[in-house]
Amino acid sequence: MDKVFIKDLLVRGVIGIRDWEREVEQDILINVTVYTDTVRAAETDNIADCVDYSALAKKVRAHAETVKRLTVEALANDLAKICLETPLVRKAVVRVEKPGAVRFAKSVGVEVERKRDE
C-alpha cells in the first residue's frame, strides 16, 4: 500500500489537563501518514484520483486549533477519524506532539494507527 504524508504541521491550540493549559494556546506538532493505492492516480494524473493532502491538512489544522482537547491521545484519535473520512484512505497513522511540554525533552506525544474497518 502507498503512503501520503503531512510532515511537521505546526498548529496552535488549547490542549492539556492543567488549568493554565486550558487558558493559553500551545504549539502542537502533527504528523499524518495515510495509506492508499496511488496506481489509478499515477495513471490518470488527475487530482480526483488522489488523496488531496492540502485539503486534509486544512481539516486537521482546523480541528486541532479549535477542539480544545485535554489529552494528546484524544486529539490524535480525532485526527485519525478525520483522515479515515477522506475518500481513498484505508489506514491512518497520526502523531501528535507537544514540543517542550516536559523539561529536558524536545517533545512528548502519542502516535495512533487506525484502519478504516475499526
Protein backbone atom coordinates (compact mmCIF):
# COMPACT_ATOMS: atom_id res chain seq x y z
CA MET A 1 0.00 0.00 0.00
CA ASP A 2 1.22 3.50 -0.80
CA LYS A 3 1.62 6.40 1.62
CA VAL A 4 0.72 10.07 1.53
CA PHE A 5 2.17 12.13 4.36
CA ILE A 6 1.93 15.50 6.02
CA LYS A 7 5.11 16.19 7.97
CA ASP A 8 5.56 18.56 10.90
CA LEU A 9 2.30 20.50 10.64
CA LEU A 10 2.67 23.08 13.40
CA VAL A 11 -0.59 24.45 14.81
CA ARG A 12 -1.53 26.40 17.92
CA GLY A 13 -4.36 25.23 20.12
CA VAL A 14 -5.59 24.56 23.62
CA ILE A 15 -4.54 21.13 24.87
CA GLY A 16 -3.71 19.86 28.34
CA ILE A 17 -5.10 18.99 31.74
CA ARG A 18 -3.64 21.77 33.86
CA ASP A 19 -5.60 24.96 34.49
CA TRP A 20 -3.03 27.17 32.77
CA GLU A 21 -3.06 24.89 29.72
CA ARG A 22 -6.79 25.47 29.33
CA GLU A 23 -6.23 29.23 29.08
CA VAL A 24 -3.41 29.56 26.54
CA GLU A 25 -2.71 28.20 23.10
CA GLN A 26 0.32 25.97 22.79
CA ASP A 27 2.30 24.61 19.88
CA ILE A 28 1.03 21.25 18.68
CA LEU A 29 3.11 19.32 16.15
CA ILE A 30 1.20 16.91 13.93
CA ASN A 31 2.42 14.25 11.54
CA VAL A 32 0.00 12.28 9.42
CA THR A 33 0.59 9.30 7.16
CA VAL A 34 -2.36 7.92 5.26
CA TYR A 35 -2.30 4.69 3.32
CA THR A 36 -3.93 4.45 -0.07
CA ASP A 37 -3.50 2.97 -3.53
CA THR A 38 -1.93 5.53 -5.87
CA VAL A 39 -1.91 3.39 -9.02
CA ARG A 40 -5.01 4.98 -10.57
CA ALA A 41 -3.82 8.47 -9.61
CA ALA A 42 -0.48 7.80 -11.29
CA GLU A 43 -2.19 6.51 -14.43
CA THR A 44 -4.71 9.35 -14.77
CA ASP A 45 -2.61 12.19 -13.33
CA ASN A 46 -5.92 13.55 -12.03
CA ILE A 47 -6.35 15.09 -8.57
CA ALA A 48 -9.79 13.44 -8.33
CA ASP A 49 -7.99 10.09 -8.09
CA CYS A 50 -5.59 11.31 -5.37
CA VAL A 51 -5.76 11.90 -1.66
CA ASP A 52 -5.82 15.70 -1.57
CA TYR A 53 -3.18 16.33 1.10
CA SER A 54 -3.79 20.08 1.03
CA ALA A 55 -7.47 19.66 1.87
CA LEU A 56 -6.63 17.04 4.51
CA ALA A 57 -4.06 19.33 6.14
CA LYS A 58 -6.64 22.13 6.33
CA LYS A 59 -9.15 19.84 8.07
CA VAL A 60 -6.54 18.54 10.51
CA ARG A 61 -5.30 22.05 11.30
CA ALA A 62 -8.81 23.49 11.74
CA HIS A 63 -9.80 20.71 14.13
CA ALA A 64 -6.61 20.87 16.20
CA GLU A 65 -6.85 24.64 16.53
CA THR A 66 -10.46 24.63 17.77
CA VAL A 67 -11.26 21.39 19.60
CA LYS A 68 -9.57 22.13 22.98
CA ARG A 69 -8.89 18.51 23.97
CA LEU A 70 -7.47 17.54 27.35
CA THR A 71 -5.15 14.82 26.05
CA VAL A 72 -2.97 14.25 23.01
CA GLU A 73 -4.50 10.76 22.85
CA ALA A 74 -7.97 12.20 22.27
CA LEU A 75 -6.72 14.68 19.68
CA ALA A 76 -4.75 12.01 17.81
CA ASN A 77 -7.83 9.79 17.70
CA ASP A 78 -9.95 12.70 16.40
CA LEU A 79 -7.47 13.39 13.65
CA ALA A 80 -7.26 9.72 12.65
CA LYS A 81 -11.05 9.69 12.25
CA ILE A 82 -10.86 12.77 10.04
CA CYS A 83 -8.26 11.02 7.90
CA LEU A 84 -10.40 7.91 7.55
CA GLU A 85 -13.37 10.03 6.43
CA THR A 86 -11.25 11.11 3.46
CA PRO A 87 -12.06 9.19 0.27
CA LEU A 88 -9.42 6.63 -0.78
CA VAL A 89 -7.76 6.49 2.67
CA ARG A 90 -7.61 2.95 4.04
CA LYS A 91 -5.40 3.47 7.08
CA ALA A 92 -4.02 6.43 9.03
CA VAL A 93 -1.09 6.90 11.37
CA VAL A 94 -1.28 10.15 13.32
CA ARG A 95 1.39 11.50 15.64
CA VAL A 96 0.57 14.42 17.95
CA GLU A 97 3.32 16.09 19.95
CA LYS A 98 3.57 18.88 22.49
CA PRO A 99 7.03 20.39 22.00
CA GLY A 100 8.66 21.50 25.23
CA ALA A 101 5.93 20.04 27.44
CA VAL A 102 8.39 18.07 29.56
CA ARG A 103 11.56 19.57 30.90
CA PHE A 104 14.72 18.26 29.20
CA ALA A 105 12.69 16.66 26.39
CA LYS A 106 12.39 18.20 22.95
CA SER A 107 8.85 16.87 22.64
CA VAL A 108 6.34 14.38 24.01
CA GLY A 109 3.30 12.89 22.39
CA VAL A 110 1.42 9.92 21.10
CA GLU A 111 1.08 8.06 17.82
CA VAL A 112 -2.07 6.17 16.87
CA GLU A 113 -2.78 3.83 13.99
CA ARG A 114 -6.32 3.29 12.75
CA LYS A 115 -7.80 1.32 9.85
CA ARG A 116 -11.00 2.04 8.00
CA ASP A 117 -12.62 -1.13 9.34
CA GLU A 118 -12.03 -0.26 13.04
